[in-house]
C-alpha atoms as a PDB file:
ATOM      1  CA  MET A   1      53.532   0.709 -12.783  1.00  0.00           C
ATOM      2  CA  GLY A   2      52.911  -1.928 -15.473  1.00  0.00           C
ATOM      3  CA  PHE A   3      50.063  -1.903 -17.974  1.00  0.00           C
ATOM      4  CA  LYS A   4      48.084  -4.476 -16.011  1.00  0.00           C
ATOM      5  CA  SER A   5      48.550  -2.520 -12.792  1.00  0.00           C
ATOM      6  CA  LYS A   6      47.365   0.656 -14.532  1.00  0.00           C
ATOM      7  CA  ILE A   7      44.196  -1.138 -15.708  1.00  0.00           C
ATOM      8  CA  VAL A   8      43.517  -2.428 -12.226  1.00  0.00           C
ATOM      9  CA  GLY A   9      44.140   1.011 -10.772  1.00  0.00           C
ATOM     10  CA  ALA A  10      41.766   2.613 -13.281  1.00  0.00           C
ATOM     11  CA  ILE A  11      39.056   0.100 -12.452  1.00  0.00           C
ATOM     12  CA  ILE A  12      39.465   0.777  -8.746  1.00  0.00           C
ATOM     13  CA  LEU A  13      39.355   4.539  -9.345  1.00  0.00           C
ATOM     14  CA  PHE A  14      36.238   4.233 -11.508  1.00  0.00           C
ATOM     15  CA  ALA A  15      34.535   2.070  -8.931  1.00  0.00           C
ATOM     16  CA  GLY A  16      35.321   4.682  -6.314  1.00  0.00           C
ATOM     17  CA  VAL A  17      33.732   7.414  -8.424  1.00  0.00           C
ATOM     18  CA  LEU A  18      30.596   5.306  -8.919  1.00  0.00           C
ATOM     19  CA  ALA A  19      30.398   4.598  -5.222  1.00  0.00           C
ATOM     20  CA  SER A  20      30.651   8.288  -4.424  1.00  0.00           C
ATOM     21  CA  CYS A  21      27.834   9.071  -6.864  1.00  0.00           C
ATOM     22  CA  HIS A  22      25.551   6.271  -5.760  1.00  0.00           C
ATOM     23  CA  LYS A  23      22.949   7.259  -3.170  1.00  0.00           C
ATOM     24  CA  GLU A  24      23.012   4.856  -0.290  1.00  0.00           C
ATOM     25  CA  PRO A  25      19.907   4.548   1.913  1.00  0.00           C
ATOM     26  CA  TYR A  26      19.830   7.065   4.725  1.00  0.00           C
ATOM     27  CA  SER A  27      21.655   5.793   7.756  1.00  0.00           C
ATOM     28  CA  VAL A  28      19.563   7.851  10.176  1.00  0.00           C
ATOM     29  CA  VAL A  29      15.860   8.234  10.849  1.00  0.00           C
ATOM     30  CA  PHE A  30      13.281  10.817  11.851  1.00  0.00           C
ATOM     31  CA  SER A  31      13.955  12.243  15.280  1.00  0.00           C
ATOM     32  CA  THR A  32      12.805  14.919  17.679  1.00  0.00           C
ATOM     33  CA  ASN A  33      14.925  17.734  19.061  1.00  0.00           C
ATOM     34  CA  GLU A  34      13.955  20.610  21.364  1.00  0.00           C
ATOM     35  CA  GLY A  35      10.290  19.868  20.817  1.00  0.00           C
ATOM     36  CA  PHE A  36      10.407  19.686  17.026  1.00  0.00           C
ATOM     37  CA  LEU A  37      10.356  16.862  14.516  1.00  0.00           C
ATOM     38  CA  GLN A  38      13.357  16.440  12.220  1.00  0.00           C
ATOM     39  CA  ASP A  39      13.688  14.306   9.121  1.00  0.00           C
ATOM     40  CA  ALA A  40      16.537  11.913   8.394  1.00  0.00           C
ATOM     41  CA  ASN A  41      18.704  14.813   7.174  1.00  0.00           C
ATOM     42  CA  GLY A  42      18.302  16.636  10.473  1.00  0.00           C
ATOM     43  CA  SER A  43      16.056  19.291   8.899  1.00  0.00           C
ATOM     44  CA  GLU A  44      12.901  20.389  10.681  1.00  0.00           C
ATOM     45  CA  PHE A  45       9.787  18.785   9.230  1.00  0.00           C
ATOM     46  CA  LEU A  46       6.370  20.315   9.821  1.00  0.00           C
ATOM     47  CA  ILE A  47       3.579  17.811   9.204  1.00  0.00           C
ATOM     48  CA  ARG A  48       0.771  19.028   6.984  1.00  0.00           C
ATOM     49  CA  GLY A  49      -1.293  16.038   5.988  1.00  0.00           C
ATOM     50  CA  VAL A  50      -4.346  13.812   6.213  1.00  0.00           C
ATOM     51  CA  ASN A  51      -5.491  10.473   7.533  1.00  0.00           C
ATOM     52  CA  VAL A  52      -6.060   7.703   4.965  1.00  0.00           C
ATOM     53  CA  PRO A  53      -8.347   4.681   5.737  1.00  0.00           C
ATOM     54  CA  PHE A  54      -6.182   2.072   4.019  1.00  0.00           C
ATOM     55  CA  ALA A  55      -7.251  -0.822   6.263  1.00  0.00           C
ATOM     56  CA  TRP A  56     -10.916  -0.360   5.344  1.00  0.00           C
ATOM     57  CA  HIS A  57     -10.636   0.849   1.762  1.00  0.00           C
ATOM     58  CA  PRO A  58      -7.284  -0.456   0.467  1.00  0.00           C
ATOM     59  CA  VAL A  59      -7.804  -0.004  -3.276  1.00  0.00           C
ATOM     60  CA  LYS A  60      -9.428   3.436  -3.096  1.00  0.00           C
ATOM     61  CA  SER A  61      -6.897   4.635  -0.515  1.00  0.00           C
ATOM     62  CA  TYR A  62      -3.953   3.490  -2.603  1.00  0.00           C
ATOM     63  CA  GLN A  63      -5.363   5.175  -5.708  1.00  0.00           C
ATOM     64  CA  ALA A  64      -6.165   8.338  -3.743  1.00  0.00           C
ATOM     65  CA  LEU A  65      -2.513   8.961  -2.875  1.00  0.00           C
ATOM     66  CA  ASP A  66      -1.962  10.624  -6.267  1.00  0.00           C
ATOM     67  CA  GLU A  67      -4.693  13.173  -5.568  1.00  0.00           C
ATOM     68  CA  ILE A  68      -3.541  13.687  -1.965  1.00  0.00           C
ATOM     69  CA  ALA A  69      -0.061  14.486  -3.260  1.00  0.00           C
ATOM     70  CA  ARG A  70      -1.544  16.807  -5.908  1.00  0.00           C
ATOM     71  CA  GLN A  71      -3.246  18.669  -3.092  1.00  0.00           C
ATOM     72  CA  LYS A  72       0.279  19.226  -1.647  1.00  0.00           C
ATOM     73  CA  ALA A  73       0.036  17.119   1.516  1.00  0.00           C
ATOM     74  CA  ASN A  74       3.476  16.185   2.821  1.00  0.00           C
ATOM     75  CA  CYS A  75       2.380  13.401   5.152  1.00  0.00           C
ATOM     76  CA  VAL A  76      -0.229  10.630   5.313  1.00  0.00           C
ATOM     77  CA  ARG A  77      -1.290   8.798   8.444  1.00  0.00           C
ATOM     78  CA  ILE A  78      -2.181   5.300   7.290  1.00  0.00           C
ATOM     79  CA  VAL A  79      -4.899   3.407   9.114  1.00  0.00           C
ATOM     80  CA  TRP A  80      -3.949  -0.243   9.591  1.00  0.00           C
ATOM     81  CA  GLU A  81      -5.072  -3.133  11.790  1.00  0.00           C
ATOM     82  CA  SER A  82      -3.162  -5.929  13.460  1.00  0.00           C
ATOM     83  CA  SER A  83      -5.496  -8.574  12.006  1.00  0.00           C
ATOM     84  CA  LEU A  84      -4.073  -7.800   8.551  1.00  0.00           C
ATOM     85  CA  PRO A  85      -0.811  -9.167   7.115  1.00  0.00           C
ATOM     86  CA  ALA A  86       2.035  -6.702   7.440  1.00  0.00           C
ATOM     87  CA  SER A  87       3.043  -7.311   3.846  1.00  0.00           C
ATOM     88  CA  GLY A  88      -0.110  -5.507   2.782  1.00  0.00           C
ATOM     89  CA  LEU A  89       1.496  -2.231   3.864  1.00  0.00           C
ATOM     90  CA  ASP A  90       4.443  -2.447   1.502  1.00  0.00           C
ATOM     91  CA  SER A  91       2.731  -1.021  -1.584  1.00  0.00           C
ATOM     92  CA  ILE A  92       1.200   2.028   0.080  1.00  0.00           C
ATOM     93  CA  LEU A  93       4.421   2.855   1.950  1.00  0.00           C
ATOM     94  CA  GLN A  94       6.408   2.705  -1.266  1.00  0.00           C
ATOM     95  CA  LYS A  95       3.892   4.809  -3.155  1.00  0.00           C
ATOM     96  CA  SER A  96       3.676   7.424  -0.378  1.00  0.00           C
ATOM     97  CA  ILE A  97       7.434   7.819  -0.459  1.00  0.00           C
ATOM     98  CA  ASP A  98       7.521   7.893  -4.266  1.00  0.00           C
ATOM     99  CA  LEU A  99       5.049  10.780  -4.070  1.00  0.00           C
ATOM    100  CA  ASN A 100       7.200  12.668  -1.555  1.00  0.00           C
ATOM    101  CA  MET A 101       4.849  12.107   1.375  1.00  0.00           C
ATOM    102  CA  ILE A 102       6.017  10.822   4.757  1.00  0.00           C
ATOM    103  CA  PRO A 103       3.908   7.870   5.961  1.00  0.00           C
ATOM    104  CA  ILE A 104       2.832   7.344   9.546  1.00  0.00           C
ATOM    105  CA  VAL A 105       1.678   3.796  10.244  1.00  0.00           C
ATOM    106  CA  GLU A 106      -0.978   3.481  12.953  1.00  0.00           C
ATOM    107  CA  LEU A 107      -2.825   0.457  14.318  1.00  0.00           C
ATOM    108  CA  HIS A 108      -6.517   1.223  14.791  1.00  0.00           C
ATOM    109  CA  ASP A 109      -7.851  -1.816  16.608  1.00  0.00           C
ATOM    110  CA  ALA A 110      -7.035  -0.649  20.142  1.00  0.00           C
ATOM    111  CA  THR A 111      -9.187   2.474  19.765  1.00  0.00           C
ATOM    112  CA  GLY A 112     -10.915   3.264  23.068  1.00  0.00           C
ATOM    113  CA  ASP A 113      -9.534   0.172  24.788  1.00  0.00           C
ATOM    114  CA  SER A 114      -8.021   0.778  28.200  1.00  0.00           C
ATOM    115  CA  THR A 115      -6.135  -2.402  28.988  1.00  0.00           C
ATOM    116  CA  ALA A 116      -2.362  -2.501  28.914  1.00  0.00           C
ATOM    117  CA  THR A 117      -2.610  -5.980  27.404  1.00  0.00           C
ATOM    118  CA  LYS A 118      -4.342  -4.674  24.281  1.00  0.00           C
ATOM    119  CA  LEU A 119      -1.823  -1.873  23.861  1.00  0.00           C
ATOM    120  CA  TYR A 120       1.052  -4.322  24.259  1.00  0.00           C
ATOM    121  CA  GLN A 121      -0.501  -6.492  21.543  1.00  0.00           C
ATOM    122  CA  MET A 122      -0.179  -3.551  19.157  1.00  0.00           C
ATOM    123  CA  ALA A 123       3.505  -3.165  20.005  1.00  0.00           C
ATOM    124  CA  THR A 124       3.973  -6.923  19.620  1.00  0.00           C
ATOM    125  CA  TYR A 125       2.557  -6.740  16.097  1.00  0.00           C
ATOM    126  CA  PHE A 126       5.120  -4.075  15.237  1.00  0.00           C
ATOM    127  CA  VAL A 127       8.002  -6.244  16.371  1.00  0.00           C
ATOM    128  CA  SER A 128       6.879  -9.366  14.514  1.00  0.00           C
ATOM    129  CA  ASP A 129       9.376 -10.524  11.909  1.00  0.00           C
ATOM    130  CA  GLU A 130       6.996  -9.789   9.037  1.00  0.00           C
ATOM    131  CA  MET A 131       6.221  -6.263  10.218  1.00  0.00           C
ATOM    132  CA  LYS A 132       9.858  -5.472  10.959  1.00  0.00           C
ATOM    133  CA  SER A 133      10.874  -6.485   7.450  1.00  0.00           C
ATOM    134  CA  VAL A 134       8.369  -4.005   6.024  1.00  0.00           C
ATOM    135  CA  ILE A 135       8.900  -1.122   8.437  1.00  0.00           C
ATOM    136  CA  GLN A 136      12.680  -1.222   8.497  1.00  0.00           C
ATOM    137  CA  LYS A 137      12.738  -1.235   4.697  1.00  0.00           C
ATOM    138  CA  TYR A 138      11.366   2.310   4.827  1.00  0.00           C
ATOM    139  CA  GLU A 139      12.569   3.315   8.282  1.00  0.00           C
ATOM    140  CA  SER A 140      14.354   6.451   7.143  1.00  0.00           C
ATOM    141  CA  TYR A 141      11.070   7.872   5.848  1.00  0.00           C
ATOM    142  CA  LEU A 142       8.335   6.847   8.255  1.00  0.00           C
ATOM    143  CA  LEU A 143       6.975   7.239  11.784  1.00  0.00           C
ATOM    144  CA  ILE A 144       5.427   4.520  13.972  1.00  0.00           C
ATOM    145  CA  ASN A 145       2.099   5.289  15.678  1.00  0.00           C
ATOM    146  CA  ILE A 146       1.723   2.369  18.076  1.00  0.00           C
ATOM    147  CA  ALA A 147      -2.045   2.583  18.605  1.00  0.00           C
ATOM    148  CA  ASN A 148      -4.855   4.920  17.666  1.00  0.00           C
ATOM    149  CA  GLU A 149      -6.648   6.515  20.632  1.00  0.00           C
ATOM    150  CA  TRP A 150      -5.761   3.859  23.189  1.00  0.00           C
ATOM    151  CA  GLY A 151      -7.262   4.780  26.524  1.00  0.00           C
ATOM    152  CA  ASP A 152     -10.807   5.939  27.316  1.00  0.00           C
ATOM    153  CA  ASN A 153     -11.877   8.988  29.314  1.00  0.00           C
ATOM    154  CA  ASN A 154     -11.397   7.193  32.647  1.00  0.00           C
ATOM    155  CA  LEU A 155      -7.809   6.088  32.111  1.00  0.00           C
ATOM    156  CA  LYS A 156      -5.405   7.277  34.790  1.00  0.00           C
ATOM    157  CA  ALA A 157      -2.411   9.283  33.637  1.00  0.00           C
ATOM    158  CA  GLU A 158       0.021   6.996  35.440  1.00  0.00           C
ATOM    159  CA  TYR A 159      -1.485   3.911  33.816  1.00  0.00           C
ATOM    160  CA  TRP A 160      -1.128   5.554  30.383  1.00  0.00           C
ATOM    161  CA  ARG A 161       2.516   6.394  31.152  1.00  0.00           C
ATOM    162  CA  ASP A 162       3.472   2.957  32.450  1.00  0.00           C
ATOM    163  CA  ALA A 163       1.726   1.035  29.662  1.00  0.00           C
ATOM    164  CA  TYR A 164       3.577   3.031  27.036  1.00  0.00           C
ATOM    165  CA  LYS A 165       6.883   2.473  28.821  1.00  0.00           C
ATOM    166  CA  GLU A 166       6.493  -1.235  28.193  1.00  0.00           C
ATOM    167  CA  CYS A 167       5.800  -0.624  24.516  1.00  0.00           C
ATOM    168  CA  ILE A 168       8.730   1.746  24.105  1.00  0.00           C
ATOM    169  CA  SER A 169      11.066  -0.860  25.578  1.00  0.00           C
ATOM    170  CA  LEU A 170       9.713  -3.553  23.292  1.00  0.00           C
ATOM    171  CA  LEU A 171      10.139  -1.487  20.116  1.00  0.00           C
ATOM    172  CA  ARG A 172      13.571  -0.146  20.991  1.00  0.00           C
ATOM    173  CA  ASN A 173      14.871  -3.546  22.100  1.00  0.00           C
ATOM    174  CA  SER A 174      13.733  -4.946  18.762  1.00  0.00           C
ATOM    175  CA  GLY A 175      15.881  -2.420  16.927  1.00  0.00           C
ATOM    176  CA  TYR A 176      13.439   0.279  15.900  1.00  0.00           C
ATOM    177  CA  ARG A 177      15.101   3.693  15.845  1.00  0.00           C
ATOM    178  CA  SER A 178      12.542   5.951  14.205  1.00  0.00           C
ATOM    179  CA  THR A 179      10.159   8.363  15.899  1.00  0.00           C
ATOM    180  CA  ILE A 180       7.421   6.650  17.918  1.00  0.00           C
ATOM    181  CA  VAL A 181       4.088   8.468  17.888  1.00  0.00           C
ATOM    182  CA  ILE A 182       2.007   8.136  21.054  1.00  0.00           C
ATOM    183  CA  ASP A 183      -1.655   9.155  21.120  1.00  0.00           C
ATOM    184  CA  ALA A 184      -3.065  10.936  24.150  1.00  0.00           C
ATOM    185  CA  PRO A 185      -5.627   8.980  26.174  1.00  0.00           C
ATOM    186  CA  GLY A 186      -9.275   9.975  26.418  1.00  0.00           C
ATOM    187  CA  TRP A 187      -9.871   8.741  22.852  1.00  0.00           C
ATOM    188  CA  GLY A 188      -6.854  10.800  21.844  1.00  0.00           C
ATOM    189  CA  GLN A 189      -8.252  14.028  23.274  1.00  0.00           C
ATOM    190  CA  ASN A 190      -6.894  14.295  26.821  1.00  0.00           C
ATOM    191  CA  ILE A 191      -3.679  16.296  26.675  1.00  0.00           C
ATOM    192  CA  ASP A 192      -3.248  16.487  30.475  1.00  0.00           C
ATOM    193  CA  PRO A 193      -1.334  13.171  30.851  1.00  0.00           C
ATOM    194  CA  VAL A 194       0.946  14.277  27.991  1.00  0.00           C
ATOM    195  CA  LEU A 195       1.703  17.539  29.740  1.00  0.00           C
ATOM    196  CA  LEU A 196       2.189  15.719  33.030  1.00  0.00           C
ATOM    197  CA  TYR A 197       4.243  12.695  31.923  1.00  0.00           C
ATOM    198  CA  GLY A 198       5.348  13.373  28.360  1.00  0.00           C
ATOM    199  CA  GLN A 199       8.866  14.340  29.397  1.00  0.00           C
ATOM    200  CA  ALA A 200       9.113  11.310  31.657  1.00  0.00           C
ATOM    201  CA  LEU A 201       8.374   9.080  28.655  1.00  0.00           C
ATOM    202  CA  ILE A 202      10.924  10.928  26.525  1.00  0.00           C
ATOM    203  CA  ASP A 203      13.517  10.449  29.257  1.00  0.00           C
ATOM    204  CA  TYR A 204      12.593   6.770  29.488  1.00  0.00           C
ATOM    205  CA  ASP A 205      13.073   6.239  25.749  1.00  0.00           C
ATOM    206  CA  PRO A 206      16.794   5.463  25.237  1.00  0.00           C
ATOM    207  CA  LEU A 207      16.655   7.401  21.941  1.00  0.00           C
ATOM    208  CA  HIS A 208      14.531  10.258  23.342  1.00  0.00           C
ATOM    209  CA  ASN A 209      12.557  10.121  20.115  1.00  0.00           C
ATOM    210  CA  LEU A 210       8.821  10.422  20.755  1.00  0.00           C
ATOM    211  CA  LEU A 211       6.056  12.513  19.185  1.00  0.00           C
ATOM    212  CA  PHE A 212       2.778  12.962  21.055  1.00  0.00           C
ATOM    213  CA  SER A 213      -0.448  13.081  19.075  1.00  0.00           C
ATOM    214  CA  ILE A 214      -3.488  15.066  20.224  1.00  0.00           C
ATOM    215  CA  HIS A 215      -6.910  14.528  18.616  1.00  0.00           C
ATOM    216  CA  MET A 216      -9.356  17.443  18.677  1.00  0.00           C
ATOM    217  CA  TYR A 217     -13.114  16.908  18.606  1.00  0.00           C
ATOM    218  CA  GLY A 218     -15.787  17.607  21.240  1.00  0.00           C
ATOM    219  CA  SER A 219     -13.317  17.927  24.098  1.00  0.00           C
ATOM    220  CA  TRP A 220     -11.726  20.878  22.306  1.00  0.00           C
ATOM    221  CA  ASN A 221     -14.742  23.106  21.681  1.00  0.00           C
ATOM    222  CA  ASP A 222     -13.171  25.841  23.844  1.00  0.00           C
ATOM    223  CA  GLU A 223     -10.952  28.066  21.674  1.00  0.00           C
ATOM    224  CA  GLU A 224      -8.872  29.224  24.604  1.00  0.00           C
ATOM    225  CA  LYS A 225      -8.113  25.649  25.542  1.00  0.00           C
ATOM    226  CA  ILE A 226      -6.673  25.043  22.073  1.00  0.00           C
ATOM    227  CA  ARG A 227      -4.290  27.952  22.391  1.00  0.00           C
ATOM    228  CA  HIS A 228      -3.276  27.509  26.012  1.00  0.00           C
ATOM    229  CA  ALA A 229      -2.842  23.745  26.028  1.00  0.00           C
ATOM    230  CA  LEU A 230      -0.748  23.653  22.864  1.00  0.00           C
ATOM    231  CA  GLN A 231       1.310  26.584  24.143  1.00  0.00           C
ATOM    232  CA  ASP A 232       1.919  24.670  27.397  1.00  0.00           C
ATOM    233  CA  ALA A 233       3.249  21.721  25.403  1.00  0.00           C
ATOM    234  CA  VAL A 234       5.566  23.982  23.404  1.00  0.00           C
ATOM    235  CA  ASN A 235       6.760  25.700  26.575  1.00  0.00           C
ATOM    236  CA  GLN A 236       7.776  22.257  27.874  1.00  0.00           C
ATOM    237  CA  SER A 237       9.520  21.464  24.564  1.00  0.00           C
ATOM    238  CA  LEU A 238       7.220  18.469  24.093  1.00  0.00           C
ATOM    239  CA  PRO A 239       7.096  17.320  20.459  1.00  0.00           C
ATOM    240  CA  ILE A 240       3.410  17.225  19.494  1.00  0.00           C
ATOM    241  CA  VAL A 241       1.191  16.922  16.454  1.00  0.00           C
ATOM    242  CA  VAL A 242      -2.551  17.414  16.098  1.00  0.00           C
ATOM    243  CA  GLY A 243      -3.066  13.917  14.726  1.00  0.00           C
ATOM    244  CA  GLU A 244      -6.813  14.227  14.080  1.00  0.00           C
ATOM    245  CA  PHE A 245      -9.380  17.015  14.258  1.00  0.00           C
ATOM    246  CA  GLY A 246     -12.811  18.003  13.053  1.00  0.00           C
ATOM    247  CA  TYR A 247     -14.857  21.198  12.792  1.00  0.00           C
ATOM    248  CA  HIS A 248     -18.072  22.904  13.888  1.00  0.00           C
ATOM    249  CA  TYR A 249     -20.497  20.704  11.992  1.00  0.00           C
ATOM    250  CA  ASN A 250     -24.289  21.097  12.271  1.00  0.00           C
ATOM    251  CA  GLU A 251     -24.039  23.441  15.268  1.00  0.00           C
ATOM    252  CA  GLY A 252     -22.337  20.674  17.210  1.00  0.00           C
ATOM    253  CA  ASN A 253     -25.259  18.288  16.746  1.00  0.00           C
ATOM    254  CA  ASN A 254     -23.100  15.433  15.537  1.00  0.00           C
ATOM    255  CA  ASN A 255     -21.977  12.094  16.873  1.00  0.00           C
ATOM    256  CA  LEU A 256     -18.808  13.600  18.388  1.00  0.00           C
ATOM    257  CA  ASN A 257     -20.419  16.706  19.925  1.00  0.00           C
ATOM    258  CA  CYS A 258     -17.834  18.577  17.868  1.00  0.00           C
ATOM    259  CA  LYS A 259     -17.972  22.372  17.751  1.00  0.00           C
ATOM    260  CA  VAL A 260     -14.219  22.749  17.459  1.00  0.00           C
ATOM    261  CA  ASN A 261     -12.960  25.831  15.612  1.00  0.00           C
ATOM    262  CA  HIS A 262     -10.726  24.348  12.943  1.00  0.00           C
ATOM    263  CA  GLU A 263      -9.545  27.829  11.904  1.00  0.00           C
ATOM    264  CA  GLN A 264      -8.222  28.289  15.432  1.00  0.00           C
ATOM    265  CA  ILE A 265      -6.379  24.983  15.194  1.00  0.00           C
ATOM    266  CA  LEU A 266      -4.746  25.985  11.909  1.00  0.00           C
ATOM    267  CA  GLU A 267      -3.830  29.379  13.298  1.00  0.00           C
ATOM    268  CA  VAL A 268      -2.250  28.082  16.507  1.00  0.00           C
ATOM    269  CA  CYS A 269      -0.421  25.321  14.645  1.00  0.00           C
ATOM    270  CA  ALA A 270       1.032  27.929  12.292  1.00  0.00           C
ATOM    271  CA  GLU A 271       2.074  30.217  15.158  1.00  0.00           C
ATOM    272  CA  LEU A 272       3.674  27.452  17.213  1.00  0.00           C
ATOM    273  CA  ASN A 273       5.109  25.349  14.351  1.00  0.00           C
ATOM    274  CA  ILE A 274       2.967  22.348  15.200  1.00  0.00           C
ATOM    275  CA  GLY A 275       2.041  19.737  12.614  1.00  0.00           C
ATOM    276  CA  PHE A 276      -1.499  18.619  11.840  1.00  0.00           C
ATOM    277  CA  LEU A 277      -3.322  15.736  10.138  1.00  0.00           C
ATOM    278  CA  ALA A 278      -6.989  16.235   9.288  1.00  0.00           C
ATOM    279  CA  TRP A 279      -9.466  13.383   9.630  1.00  0.00           C
ATOM    280  CA  SER A 280      -9.947  12.060   7.022  1.00  0.00           C
ATOM    281  CA  TRP A 281      -9.641  11.708   3.241  1.00  0.00           C
ATOM    282  CA  SER A 282     -12.880   9.792   2.601  1.00  0.00           C
ATOM    283  CA  GLY A 283     -14.757   6.564   3.266  1.00  0.00           C
ATOM    284  CA  ASN A 284     -16.122   7.370   6.725  1.00  0.00           C
ATOM    285  CA  ASN A 285     -19.248   5.513   7.799  1.00  0.00           C
ATOM    286  CA  GLU A 286     -22.627   7.245   7.681  1.00  0.00           C
ATOM    287  CA  VAL A 287     -22.470   8.942  11.074  1.00  0.00           C
ATOM    288  CA  ASN A 288     -18.931  10.185  10.428  1.00  0.00           C
ATOM    289  CA  GLN A 289     -19.376  11.107   6.777  1.00  0.00           C
ATOM    290  CA  TRP A 290     -19.353  14.813   7.633  1.00  0.00           C
ATOM    291  CA  LEU A 291     -15.596  14.357   8.181  1.00  0.00           C
ATOM    292  CA  ASP A 292     -14.866  13.285   4.581  1.00  0.00           C
ATOM    293  CA  LEU A 293     -12.404  15.722   2.996  1.00  0.00           C
ATOM    294  CA  VAL A 294     -13.460  14.554  -0.460  1.00  0.00           C
ATOM    295  CA  THR A 295     -16.747  13.067  -1.597  1.00  0.00           C
ATOM    296  CA  ASN A 296     -17.274   9.353  -1.237  1.00  0.00           C
ATOM    297  CA  ASP A 297     -18.562   9.276  -4.828  1.00  0.00           C
ATOM    298  CA  ASP A 298     -15.192   9.771  -6.514  1.00  0.00           C
ATOM    299  CA  TRP A 299     -12.660  10.137  -3.651  1.00  0.00           C
ATOM    300  CA  LYS A 300     -11.407  13.253  -5.416  1.00  0.00           C
ATOM    301  CA  THR A 301     -13.849  16.183  -5.268  1.00  0.00           C
ATOM    302  CA  LEU A 302     -13.222  18.393  -2.232  1.00  0.00           C
ATOM    303  CA  THR A 303     -16.073  18.843   0.243  1.00  0.00           C
ATOM    304  CA  ASP A 304     -16.466  22.109   2.174  1.00  0.00           C
ATOM    305  CA  TRP A 305     -14.386  20.480   4.901  1.00  0.00           C
ATOM    306  CA  GLY A 306     -11.722  19.567   2.368  1.00  0.00           C
ATOM    307  CA  LYS A 307     -11.672  23.051   0.890  1.00  0.00           C
ATOM    308  CA  ALA A 308     -11.140  24.503   4.354  1.00  0.00           C
ATOM    309  CA  ILE A 309      -8.201  22.186   5.024  1.00  0.00           C
ATOM    310  CA  PHE A 310      -6.467  22.438   1.656  1.00  0.00           C
ATOM    311  CA  ASN A 311      -7.367  25.859   0.275  1.00  0.00           C
ATOM    312  CA  SER A 312      -7.545  28.239   3.256  1.00  0.00           C
ATOM    313  CA  PRO A 313      -4.646  30.679   3.811  1.00  0.00           C
ATOM    314  CA  LEU A 314      -3.234  28.492   6.605  1.00  0.00           C
ATOM    315  CA  GLY A 315      -4.212  25.230   4.924  1.00  0.00           C
ATOM    316  CA  ILE A 316      -2.101  22.532   3.389  1.00  0.00           C
ATOM    317  CA  LYS A 317      -1.544  24.019  -0.064  1.00  0.00           C
ATOM    318  CA  GLU A 318      -0.113  27.232   1.373  1.00  0.00           C
ATOM    319  CA  THR A 319       1.919  25.850   4.273  1.00  0.00           C
ATOM    320  CA  ALA A 320       3.095  22.317   3.413  1.00  0.00           C
ATOM    321  CA  ARG A 321       6.755  21.763   2.518  1.00  0.00           C
ATOM    322  CA  LYS A 322       8.079  18.361   1.594  1.00  0.00           C
ATOM    323  CA  ALA A 323      10.689  16.706   3.771  1.00  0.00           C
ATOM    324  CA  SER A 324      14.270  17.519   2.824  1.00  0.00           C
ATOM    325  CA  VAL A 325      15.018  13.811   2.295  1.00  0.00           C
ATOM    326  CA  PHE A 326      13.133  14.171  -0.989  1.00  0.00           C
ATOM    327  CA  ASN A 327      15.363  16.984  -2.220  1.00  0.00           C
ATOM    328  CA  ASP A 328      18.425  14.788  -2.806  1.00  0.00           C
END
């Protein structure tokens, strides 16, 4: 081999070493398997996080991520609306990931609506060119929550199933591979359609990659219901997360008729390896202010509700573990 050939060979070898050391973006995404959520490394990921009202309080929410991470949350569910430009999500997604927290993007403007047209509009927003460019940039780290609490208390289970089939097809045909989060109907609180048709939706999804979100307020005041219903979902190997929940505030004399035992929720989630996301960090309107985890004055000081979620033995600080994709 001549001198020139040796130089060329050395350059090629050196380039190969650099390539082997360089971390390429993950080629896979979050997925579900045997009823559990896995990160892009294939390691089980147990959600322990909070909801963040980014659509309504963008500056405060963005700044609050540092404190949320300091409180050891490993996941943030980000409130967004389809009337807003998708590019506005880029900064908070990047910061969440930089702070080792998995973001879940949810569209809030179909809340309580029961028309398939409105739900499909949410899915259409996700597949717009602008939204795809943002979401796919971070696809290895995030989950897609098509619509918050779509479906009122009168929505038929079959209608819920069929409407979400259309949305699943739209997202998958557009190239999305990551886990799709689907809220239960009944303002997020009716688990029965999930138990009845959850597996049918998983089978319908060509990637079999769905996570069902249950919200727990006044419809979950019965402690036995919490245990039995979540156990039923686990027995069926249905991937679920408690995507929102409250507590027994003011003896149940609140706008949501909520007497739910949050300690029971934490206990059952710990026993069954189910994730949870408390509602919500701060910035709720006056009638919902009892659900602020930190005071609205500084978006930092824990309320009694926040102390229960973060500092209790089964709370976030003691049980949250960051996703393995952040260990590399």
